[in-house]
Protein backbone atom coordinates (compact mmCIF):
# COMPACT_ATOMS: atom_id res chain seq x y z
CA MET A 1 -285.15 -288.01 -151.15
CA ARG A 2 -285.10 -284.30 -150.41
CA LYS A 3 -285.30 -284.91 -146.65
CA MET A 4 -282.41 -287.33 -146.90
CA ILE A 5 -280.25 -284.75 -148.65
CA TYR A 6 -281.28 -281.97 -146.28
CA HIS A 7 -280.95 -283.86 -143.00
CA ILE A 8 -278.26 -286.47 -143.65
CA LEU A 9 -276.00 -285.48 -146.52
CA GLY A 10 -275.98 -281.77 -145.65
CA PRO A 11 -274.86 -282.16 -142.02
CA THR A 12 -272.33 -284.82 -143.03
CA ILE A 13 -270.20 -282.07 -144.55
CA MET A 14 -269.15 -280.79 -141.10
CA PRO A 15 -267.64 -284.07 -139.85
CA LEU A 16 -265.94 -284.61 -143.21
CA ILE A 17 -264.31 -281.17 -143.09
CA PHE A 18 -263.32 -281.65 -139.46
CA PHE A 19 -261.63 -284.99 -140.05
CA ARG A 20 -259.95 -283.69 -143.19
CA ILE A 21 -258.42 -280.81 -141.22
CA ALA A 22 -257.53 -283.11 -138.30
CA THR A 23 -255.66 -285.52 -140.58
CA THR A 24 -253.82 -282.82 -142.52
CA PRO A 25 -250.07 -283.00 -141.92
CA VAL A 26 -248.58 -280.32 -139.67
CA GLU A 27 -246.19 -279.24 -142.43
CA ILE A 28 -249.06 -278.02 -144.61
CA LEU A 29 -251.03 -275.79 -142.24
CA GLY A 30 -248.99 -275.66 -139.07
CA CYS A 31 -250.06 -276.94 -135.71
CA ARG A 32 -251.66 -273.74 -134.41
CA THR A 33 -253.62 -272.97 -137.58
CA ARG A 34 -254.83 -276.53 -137.88
CA GLY A 35 -255.97 -276.53 -134.25
CA LEU A 36 -257.79 -273.21 -134.56
CA ILE A 37 -259.61 -274.37 -137.68
CA ALA A 38 -260.59 -277.63 -135.98
CA VAL A 39 -261.87 -275.76 -132.91
CA SER A 40 -263.93 -273.39 -135.03
CA ILE A 41 -265.45 -276.23 -137.04
CA ALA A 42 -266.28 -278.20 -133.88
CA PHE A 43 -267.79 -275.10 -132.24
CA THR A 44 -269.91 -274.26 -135.29
CA SER A 45 -271.04 -277.85 -135.61
CA GLY A 46 -271.93 -277.95 -131.91
CA LEU A 47 -274.06 -274.82 -132.21
CA ALA A 48 -275.81 -276.27 -135.24
CA ALA A 49 -276.41 -279.53 -133.35
CA ILE A 50 -278.00 -277.63 -130.47
CA GLY A 51 -280.18 -275.72 -132.92
CA ALA A 52 -281.26 -278.93 -134.63
CA ALA A 53 -282.05 -280.51 -131.26
CA ILE A 54 -284.24 -277.55 -130.30
CA VAL A 55 -286.13 -277.79 -133.59
CA SER A 56 -286.49 -281.53 -133.02
CA VAL A 57 -288.01 -281.04 -129.58
CA LYS A 58 -290.47 -278.48 -130.92
CA ARG A 59 -291.47 -280.76 -133.79
CA ARG A 60 -291.85 -283.79 -131.53
CA LYS A 61 -294.10 -281.81 -129.15
CA HIS A 62 -296.51 -281.20 -132.02
CA GLU A 63 -296.23 -284.86 -133.09
CA ASP A 64 -294.71 -283.91 -136.43
CA PRO A 65 -293.10 -286.94 -138.09
CA ALA A 66 -290.32 -284.72 -139.43
CA GLY A 67 -288.96 -284.39 -135.89
CA ILE A 68 -286.99 -287.62 -136.21
CA TRP A 69 -285.07 -286.17 -139.16
CA TRP A 70 -283.93 -283.31 -136.95
CA VAL A 71 -282.73 -285.81 -134.34
CA VAL A 72 -280.62 -287.52 -136.99
CA SER A 73 -279.23 -284.14 -138.07
CA SER A 74 -278.28 -283.20 -134.53
CA LEU A 75 -276.53 -286.54 -133.98
CA ILE A 76 -274.51 -286.16 -137.17
CA LEU A 77 -273.59 -282.58 -136.27
CA ALA A 78 -272.41 -283.70 -132.81
CA ILE A 79 -269.72 -285.97 -134.27
CA PRO A 80 -267.01 -283.25 -134.61
CA VAL A 81 -267.59 -282.11 -131.02
CA VAL A 82 -267.17 -285.63 -129.65
CA ALA A 83 -264.16 -286.26 -131.89
CA PHE A 84 -262.55 -283.02 -130.76
CA ILE A 85 -262.99 -283.97 -127.10
CA ILE A 86 -261.48 -287.41 -127.75
CA LEU A 87 -258.59 -286.09 -129.86
CA ALA A 88 -257.76 -283.25 -127.49
C-alpha cells in the first residue's frame, strides 16, 4: 500500500494541479498568469519524470522489482508535459 501511495497517488498530484489551472477561467487568473503557472507545472513535472525514469533504469539494471513502480511514476508525471504540448 505504501508503494502505491508513493508511486501512484503522489505523482498524480501534478496532473491534477495542471488540469485545474488549465481549466480555470481567464477572468480569475488572467491569461498570462495562467499560462506561466501551467508552463512551470509542466516543466517541473517533466524534470521529475526524467528523474524517475533515470531511477527506473538504474533499478532495472540491478533487477530490482521496484523498478516498475518508477516506470509508472514517470509515466504519470509525463502527463502534464504531453497535455501542454497538445493544448499549446
